[in-house]
Amino acid sequence: MSALVVLFNLKDGNAKEAYEQWAKDTDVPTASKMTSVDDFKVFRLGNIMGTDNPSPYQYCEVLQINDMSKLGEEVGSEAMKKVATEFQGFADNPMFIISEQIA
């Protein structure tokens, strides 16, 4: 199984409440409709374990992908283009990391 892991901080001026509401109301429901996505979770990141140091990233999105080729096709839909544009308004230089489950 593959996963797409997205690490990011919010752009200056974006309230976490606005992003989190948009993620719940728009991002997750829309992306979850893609047949290539089995599961989609959004995490607010906290401190690094055992320290008072904050994570270098505020958020992490994890999408469980069943077909990476199909995902590439589906992200081109009008609905996903709209979501991607809105996401870019919130996220400051997001990192999209393709990962493979090994255990």
C-alpha atoms as a PDB file:
ATOM      1  CA  MET A   1       0.000   0.000   0.000  1.00  0.00           C
ATOM      2  CA  SER A   2       1.177   3.504  -0.812  1.00  0.00           C
ATOM      3  CA  ALA A   3       0.541   6.670   1.100  1.00  0.00           C
ATOM      4  CA  LEU A   4       0.886  10.298   0.216  1.00  0.00           C
ATOM      5  CA  VAL A   5       2.182  12.217   3.231  1.00  0.00           C
ATOM      6  CA  VAL A   6       1.882  16.001   3.113  1.00  0.00           C
ATOM      7  CA  LEU A   7       3.819  18.079   5.659  1.00  0.00           C
ATOM      8  CA  PHE A   8       3.209  21.807   5.890  1.00  0.00           C
ATOM      9  CA  ASN A   9       2.813  24.967   7.889  1.00  0.00           C
ATOM     10  CA  LEU A  10       0.129  27.540   7.350  1.00  0.00           C
ATOM     11  CA  LYS A  11       0.995  30.706   5.481  1.00  0.00           C
ATOM     12  CA  ASP A  12       1.228  33.829   7.609  1.00  0.00           C
ATOM     13  CA  GLY A  13      -2.194  35.313   8.130  1.00  0.00           C
ATOM     14  CA  ASN A  14      -4.098  32.017   7.929  1.00  0.00           C
ATOM     15  CA  ALA A  15      -5.908  31.082  11.116  1.00  0.00           C
ATOM     16  CA  LYS A  16      -5.666  27.433  12.156  1.00  0.00           C
ATOM     17  CA  GLU A  17      -9.430  27.435  12.796  1.00  0.00           C
ATOM     18  CA  ALA A  18     -10.121  28.454   9.184  1.00  0.00           C
ATOM     19  CA  TYR A  19      -7.804  25.788   7.756  1.00  0.00           C
ATOM     20  CA  GLU A  20      -9.096  23.056  10.055  1.00  0.00           C
ATOM     21  CA  GLN A  21     -12.734  23.843   9.230  1.00  0.00           C
ATOM     22  CA  TRP A  22     -11.925  23.854   5.505  1.00  0.00           C
ATOM     23  CA  ALA A  23     -10.082  20.519   5.868  1.00  0.00           C
ATOM     24  CA  LYS A  24     -13.120  18.953   7.572  1.00  0.00           C
ATOM     25  CA  ASP A  25     -15.752  20.483   5.284  1.00  0.00           C
ATOM     26  CA  THR A  26     -13.988  20.487   1.908  1.00  0.00           C
ATOM     27  CA  ASP A  27     -10.577  18.833   1.621  1.00  0.00           C
ATOM     28  CA  VAL A  28     -11.220  15.464   3.256  1.00  0.00           C
ATOM     29  CA  PRO A  29     -14.734  14.899   1.822  1.00  0.00           C
ATOM     30  CA  THR A  30     -13.700  15.876  -1.712  1.00  0.00           C
ATOM     31  CA  ALA A  31     -10.429  13.915  -1.817  1.00  0.00           C
ATOM     32  CA  SER A  32     -12.068  10.912  -0.164  1.00  0.00           C
ATOM     33  CA  LYS A  33     -14.434  10.623  -3.143  1.00  0.00           C
ATOM     34  CA  MET A  34     -11.519   9.691  -5.405  1.00  0.00           C
ATOM     35  CA  THR A  35     -11.519   5.946  -6.079  1.00  0.00           C
ATOM     36  CA  SER A  36      -7.724   5.868  -5.671  1.00  0.00           C
ATOM     37  CA  VAL A  37      -7.967   7.064  -2.039  1.00  0.00           C
ATOM     38  CA  ASP A  38      -8.816   4.457   0.609  1.00  0.00           C
ATOM     39  CA  ASP A  39      -8.419   6.746   3.608  1.00  0.00           C
ATOM     40  CA  PHE A  40      -7.546  10.372   4.322  1.00  0.00           C
ATOM     41  CA  LYS A  41      -6.614  11.803   7.711  1.00  0.00           C
ATOM     42  CA  VAL A  42      -5.369  15.246   8.753  1.00  0.00           C
ATOM     43  CA  PHE A  43      -3.245  15.678  11.875  1.00  0.00           C
ATOM     44  CA  ARG A  44      -2.337  18.812  13.814  1.00  0.00           C
ATOM     45  CA  LEU A  45       1.239  18.217  14.968  1.00  0.00           C
ATOM     46  CA  GLY A  46       2.446  18.954  18.481  1.00  0.00           C
ATOM     47  CA  ASN A  47       5.738  18.818  20.317  1.00  0.00           C
ATOM     48  CA  ILE A  48       8.573  16.460  19.519  1.00  0.00           C
ATOM     49  CA  MET A  49       8.191  13.529  21.890  1.00  0.00           C
ATOM     50  CA  GLY A  50      10.052  13.921  25.164  1.00  0.00           C
ATOM     51  CA  THR A  51      10.721  17.628  24.627  1.00  0.00           C
ATOM     52  CA  ASP A  52       9.028  21.009  24.739  1.00  0.00           C
ATOM     53  CA  ASN A  53      10.210  21.627  21.165  1.00  0.00           C
ATOM     54  CA  PRO A  54       7.465  22.060  18.592  1.00  0.00           C
ATOM     55  CA  SER A  55       7.400  20.004  15.418  1.00  0.00           C
ATOM     56  CA  PRO A  56       8.929  21.831  12.446  1.00  0.00           C
ATOM     57  CA  TYR A  57       5.539  21.340  10.747  1.00  0.00           C
ATOM     58  CA  GLN A  58       2.095  22.332  11.991  1.00  0.00           C
ATOM     59  CA  TYR A  59       0.124  19.756   9.977  1.00  0.00           C
ATOM     60  CA  CYS A  60       0.390  16.374   8.338  1.00  0.00           C
ATOM     61  CA  GLU A  61      -2.079  14.906   5.863  1.00  0.00           C
ATOM     62  CA  VAL A  62      -1.927  11.169   5.166  1.00  0.00           C
ATOM     63  CA  LEU A  63      -3.763   9.708   2.189  1.00  0.00           C
ATOM     64  CA  GLN A  64      -3.802   5.920   1.805  1.00  0.00           C
ATOM     65  CA  ILE A  65      -3.557   5.333  -1.944  1.00  0.00           C
ATOM     66  CA  ASN A  66      -4.562   2.113  -3.692  1.00  0.00           C
ATOM     67  CA  ASP A  67      -3.488   3.183  -7.194  1.00  0.00           C
ATOM     68  CA  MET A  68      -0.911   5.940  -7.744  1.00  0.00           C
ATOM     69  CA  SER A  69      -1.564   6.075 -11.507  1.00  0.00           C
ATOM     70  CA  LYS A  70      -5.282   6.532 -10.930  1.00  0.00           C
ATOM     71  CA  LEU A  71      -4.550   9.221  -8.329  1.00  0.00           C
ATOM     72  CA  GLY A  72      -2.595  11.132 -10.964  1.00  0.00           C
ATOM     73  CA  GLU A  73      -5.651  11.060 -13.229  1.00  0.00           C
ATOM     74  CA  GLU A  74      -8.139  11.942 -10.506  1.00  0.00           C
ATOM     75  CA  VAL A  75      -6.283  14.973  -9.156  1.00  0.00           C
ATOM     76  CA  GLY A  76      -6.864  16.543 -12.574  1.00  0.00           C
ATOM     77  CA  SER A  77     -10.632  16.705 -12.074  1.00  0.00           C
ATOM     78  CA  GLU A  78     -12.261  20.124 -11.766  1.00  0.00           C
ATOM     79  CA  ALA A  79     -13.277  19.423  -8.147  1.00  0.00           C
ATOM     80  CA  MET A  80      -9.723  18.486  -7.145  1.00  0.00           C
ATOM     81  CA  LYS A  81      -8.216  21.435  -9.030  1.00  0.00           C
ATOM     82  CA  LYS A  82     -10.459  23.724  -6.963  1.00  0.00           C
ATOM     83  CA  VAL A  83      -9.431  21.979  -3.716  1.00  0.00           C
ATOM     84  CA  ALA A  84      -5.746  22.145  -4.693  1.00  0.00           C
ATOM     85  CA  THR A  85      -5.993  25.884  -5.373  1.00  0.00           C
ATOM     86  CA  GLU A  86      -7.683  26.467  -2.015  1.00  0.00           C
ATOM     87  CA  PHE A  87      -5.077  24.281  -0.259  1.00  0.00           C
ATOM     88  CA  GLN A  88      -2.260  26.329  -1.801  1.00  0.00           C
ATOM     89  CA  GLY A  89      -3.890  29.404  -0.270  1.00  0.00           C
ATOM     90  CA  PHE A  90      -3.473  27.855   3.192  1.00  0.00           C
ATOM     91  CA  ALA A  91      -0.222  25.866   2.962  1.00  0.00           C
ATOM     92  CA  ASP A  92       3.232  27.408   2.900  1.00  0.00           C
ATOM     93  CA  ASN A  93       5.493  25.332   0.635  1.00  0.00           C
ATOM     94  CA  PRO A  94       3.934  21.909   1.395  1.00  0.00           C
ATOM     95  CA  MET A  95       6.043  18.766   0.981  1.00  0.00           C
ATOM     96  CA  PHE A  96       4.244  15.898  -0.807  1.00  0.00           C
ATOM     97  CA  ILE A  97       6.030  12.653   0.040  1.00  0.00           C
ATOM     98  CA  ILE A  98       5.142   9.354  -1.642  1.00  0.00           C
ATOM     99  CA  SER A  99       5.665   6.459   0.734  1.00  0.00           C
ATOM    100  CA  GLU A 100       5.349   2.678   0.641  1.00  0.00           C
ATOM    101  CA  GLN A 101       4.155   0.650   3.618  1.00  0.00           C
ATOM    102  CA  ILE A 102       6.731  -1.982   4.581  1.00  0.00           C
ATOM    103  CA  ALA A 103       5.136  -3.503   7.683  1.00  0.00           C
END
